[in-house]
């Protein structure tokens, strides 16, 4: 399950990307005083997308911060696989019990 803040941050990035694509040309036309009605609509749409992306970013970061600052315990942690289901790490340092079984003794 995705966290809500992850979805908000992705939507914020998409809205900002759309703003970057839409806004530059109407901005130049409006600033130069030669904008028609369609260009003005695109300019307003770009500004709305910019405000939307910044708002979603702020809310997403606030929710992420709240989620990361939440104390965790074994009762409320996310569902994970059981340790018995995991494959052993072949690069893990052998434990002392395994070393004594293999015949490794220190100092020789």
C-alpha atoms as a PDB file:
ATOM      1  CA  UNK A   1       0.000   0.000   0.000  1.00  0.00           C
ATOM      2  CA  UNK A   2       1.340   3.394  -0.954  1.00  0.00           C
ATOM      3  CA  UNK A   3       1.503   6.093   1.646  1.00  0.00           C
ATOM      4  CA  UNK A   4      -0.686   9.135   1.033  1.00  0.00           C
ATOM      5  CA  UNK A   5       2.305  11.476   1.117  1.00  0.00           C
ATOM      6  CA  UNK A   6       4.012   9.504  -1.655  1.00  0.00           C
ATOM      7  CA  UNK A   7       1.018   9.990  -3.933  1.00  0.00           C
ATOM      8  CA  UNK A   8       0.882  13.711  -3.117  1.00  0.00           C
ATOM      9  CA  UNK A   9       4.575  14.176  -3.873  1.00  0.00           C
ATOM     10  CA  UNK A  10       4.235  12.348  -7.209  1.00  0.00           C
ATOM     11  CA  UNK A  11       1.215  14.472  -8.150  1.00  0.00           C
ATOM     12  CA  UNK A  12       3.144  17.581  -7.144  1.00  0.00           C
ATOM     13  CA  UNK A  13       5.989  16.630  -9.463  1.00  0.00           C
ATOM     14  CA  UNK A  14       3.593  15.950 -12.339  1.00  0.00           C
ATOM     15  CA  UNK A  15       1.805  19.279 -11.831  1.00  0.00           C
ATOM     16  CA  UNK A  16       5.137  21.111 -11.750  1.00  0.00           C
ATOM     17  CA  UNK A  17       6.278  19.371 -14.946  1.00  0.00           C
ATOM     18  CA  UNK A  18       3.031  20.403 -16.658  1.00  0.00           C
ATOM     19  CA  UNK A  19       3.551  23.958 -15.405  1.00  0.00           C
ATOM     20  CA  UNK A  20       7.079  24.044 -16.844  1.00  0.00           C
ATOM     21  CA  UNK A  21       5.736  22.871 -20.214  1.00  0.00           C
ATOM     22  CA  UNK A  22       2.705  25.199 -20.334  1.00  0.00           C
ATOM     23  CA  UNK A  23       3.788  28.438 -18.644  1.00  0.00           C
ATOM     24  CA  UNK A  24       6.876  29.857 -20.475  1.00  0.00           C
ATOM     25  CA  UNK A  25       5.351  30.876 -23.834  1.00  0.00           C
ATOM     26  CA  UNK A  26       2.191  32.500 -22.368  1.00  0.00           C
ATOM     27  CA  UNK A  27       4.349  34.242 -19.752  1.00  0.00           C
ATOM     28  CA  UNK A  28       6.440  35.896 -22.470  1.00  0.00           C
ATOM     29  CA  UNK A  29       3.312  36.894 -24.411  1.00  0.00           C
ATOM     30  CA  UNK A  30       1.557  38.346 -21.349  1.00  0.00           C
ATOM     31  CA  UNK A  31       4.700  40.179 -20.202  1.00  0.00           C
ATOM     32  CA  UNK A  32       5.150  41.621 -23.721  1.00  0.00           C
ATOM     33  CA  UNK A  33       1.537  42.817 -23.841  1.00  0.00           C
ATOM     34  CA  UNK A  34       0.639  40.851 -26.979  1.00  0.00           C
ATOM     35  CA  UNK A  35      -1.485  38.073 -25.444  1.00  0.00           C
ATOM     36  CA  UNK A  36      -4.841  37.085 -26.903  1.00  0.00           C
ATOM     37  CA  UNK A  37      -7.612  35.320 -24.965  1.00  0.00           C
ATOM     38  CA  UNK A  38      -6.232  31.795 -25.518  1.00  0.00           C
ATOM     39  CA  UNK A  39      -2.759  32.784 -24.382  1.00  0.00           C
ATOM     40  CA  UNK A  40      -4.199  34.435 -21.279  1.00  0.00           C
ATOM     41  CA  UNK A  41      -6.134  31.248 -20.454  1.00  0.00           C
ATOM     42  CA  UNK A  42      -2.944  29.195 -20.843  1.00  0.00           C
ATOM     43  CA  UNK A  43      -1.102  31.697 -18.608  1.00  0.00           C
ATOM     44  CA  UNK A  44      -3.754  31.381 -15.898  1.00  0.00           C
ATOM     45  CA  UNK A  45      -3.702  27.575 -16.256  1.00  0.00           C
ATOM     46  CA  UNK A  46       0.091  27.596 -15.826  1.00  0.00           C
ATOM     47  CA  UNK A  47      -0.184  29.743 -12.695  1.00  0.00           C
ATOM     48  CA  UNK A  48      -2.872  27.442 -11.265  1.00  0.00           C
ATOM     49  CA  UNK A  49      -0.666  24.405 -11.941  1.00  0.00           C
ATOM     50  CA  UNK A  50       2.275  26.148 -10.268  1.00  0.00           C
ATOM     51  CA  UNK A  51       0.217  26.985  -7.178  1.00  0.00           C
ATOM     52  CA  UNK A  52      -1.225  23.454  -7.148  1.00  0.00           C
ATOM     53  CA  UNK A  53       2.206  21.836  -7.353  1.00  0.00           C
ATOM     54  CA  UNK A  54       3.570  23.991  -4.533  1.00  0.00           C
ATOM     55  CA  UNK A  55       0.511  23.269  -2.370  1.00  0.00           C
ATOM     56  CA  UNK A  56       0.711  19.514  -2.974  1.00  0.00           C
ATOM     57  CA  UNK A  57       4.433  19.605  -2.247  1.00  0.00           C
ATOM     58  CA  UNK A  58       3.883  21.403   1.065  1.00  0.00           C
ATOM     59  CA  UNK A  59       1.105  19.039   2.177  1.00  0.00           C
ATOM     60  CA  UNK A  60       3.019  15.946   1.033  1.00  0.00           C
ATOM     61  CA  UNK A  61       6.184  16.976   2.862  1.00  0.00           C
ATOM     62  CA  UNK A  62       4.200  17.771   6.016  1.00  0.00           C
ATOM     63  CA  UNK A  63       2.512  14.347   5.940  1.00  0.00           C
ATOM     64  CA  UNK A  64       5.854  12.660   5.252  1.00  0.00           C
ATOM     65  CA  UNK A  65       7.444  14.474   8.179  1.00  0.00           C
ATOM     66  CA  UNK A  66       4.567  13.478  10.444  1.00  0.00           C
ATOM     67  CA  UNK A  67       4.841   9.849   9.292  1.00  0.00           C
ATOM     68  CA  UNK A  68       8.613   9.735   9.803  1.00  0.00           C
ATOM     69  CA  UNK A  69       8.326  11.276  13.277  1.00  0.00           C
ATOM     70  CA  UNK A  70       5.739   8.708  14.420  1.00  0.00           C
ATOM     71  CA  UNK A  71       7.212   6.348  17.027  1.00  0.00           C
ATOM     72  CA  UNK A  72       7.312   2.761  15.809  1.00  0.00           C
ATOM     73  CA  UNK A  73       6.740  -0.419  17.750  1.00  0.00           C
ATOM     74  CA  UNK A  74       6.212  -4.033  16.780  1.00  0.00           C
ATOM     75  CA  UNK A  75       2.462  -3.570  17.206  1.00  0.00           C
ATOM     76  CA  UNK A  76       2.033  -0.786  14.638  1.00  0.00           C
ATOM     77  CA  UNK A  77       4.798  -1.477  12.104  1.00  0.00           C
ATOM     78  CA  UNK A  78       4.050  -2.239   8.480  1.00  0.00           C
ATOM     79  CA  UNK A  79       3.592  -5.842   7.464  1.00  0.00           C
ATOM     80  CA  UNK A  80       6.894  -7.434   6.477  1.00  0.00           C
ATOM     81  CA  UNK A  81       7.995 -10.929   5.642  1.00  0.00           C
ATOM     82  CA  UNK A  82       8.903 -13.293   8.435  1.00  0.00           C
ATOM     83  CA  UNK A  83      12.582 -13.784   9.185  1.00  0.00           C
ATOM     84  CA  UNK A  84      12.216 -17.510   8.541  1.00  0.00           C
ATOM     85  CA  UNK A  85      11.039 -16.736   4.981  1.00  0.00           C
ATOM     86  CA  UNK A  86      14.130 -14.703   4.113  1.00  0.00           C
ATOM     87  CA  UNK A  87      17.074 -16.178   2.278  1.00  0.00           C
ATOM     88  CA  UNK A  88      20.305 -16.286   4.277  1.00  0.00           C
ATOM     89  CA  UNK A  89      22.871 -13.646   3.374  1.00  0.00           C
ATOM     90  CA  UNK A  90      25.859 -15.465   1.825  1.00  0.00           C
ATOM     91  CA  UNK A  91      28.130 -12.493   2.608  1.00  0.00           C
ATOM     92  CA  UNK A  92      27.220 -12.325   6.286  1.00  0.00           C
ATOM     93  CA  UNK A  93      30.023 -12.897   8.792  1.00  0.00           C
ATOM     94  CA  UNK A  94      29.601 -16.347  10.366  1.00  0.00           C
ATOM     95  CA  UNK A  95      28.554 -16.396  13.991  1.00  0.00           C
ATOM     96  CA  UNK A  96      30.856 -17.715  16.724  1.00  0.00           C
ATOM     97  CA  UNK A  97      28.850 -20.943  16.893  1.00  0.00           C
ATOM     98  CA  UNK A  98      29.305 -21.561  13.165  1.00  0.00           C
ATOM     99  CA  UNK A  99      33.033 -20.794  13.400  1.00  0.00           C
ATOM    100  CA  UNK A 100      33.547 -23.312  16.203  1.00  0.00           C
ATOM    101  CA  UNK A 101      31.650 -25.940  14.236  1.00  0.00           C
ATOM    102  CA  UNK A 102      33.860 -25.294  11.190  1.00  0.00           C
ATOM    103  CA  UNK A 103      37.040 -25.816  13.227  1.00  0.00           C
ATOM    104  CA  UNK A 104      38.276 -22.212  13.143  1.00  0.00           C
ATOM    105  CA  UNK A 105      40.250 -21.399  16.263  1.00  0.00           C
ATOM    106  CA  UNK A 106      41.876 -18.084  17.040  1.00  0.00           C
ATOM    107  CA  UNK A 107      45.624 -17.607  17.530  1.00  0.00           C
ATOM    108  CA  UNK A 108      46.933 -20.390  15.295  1.00  0.00           C
END
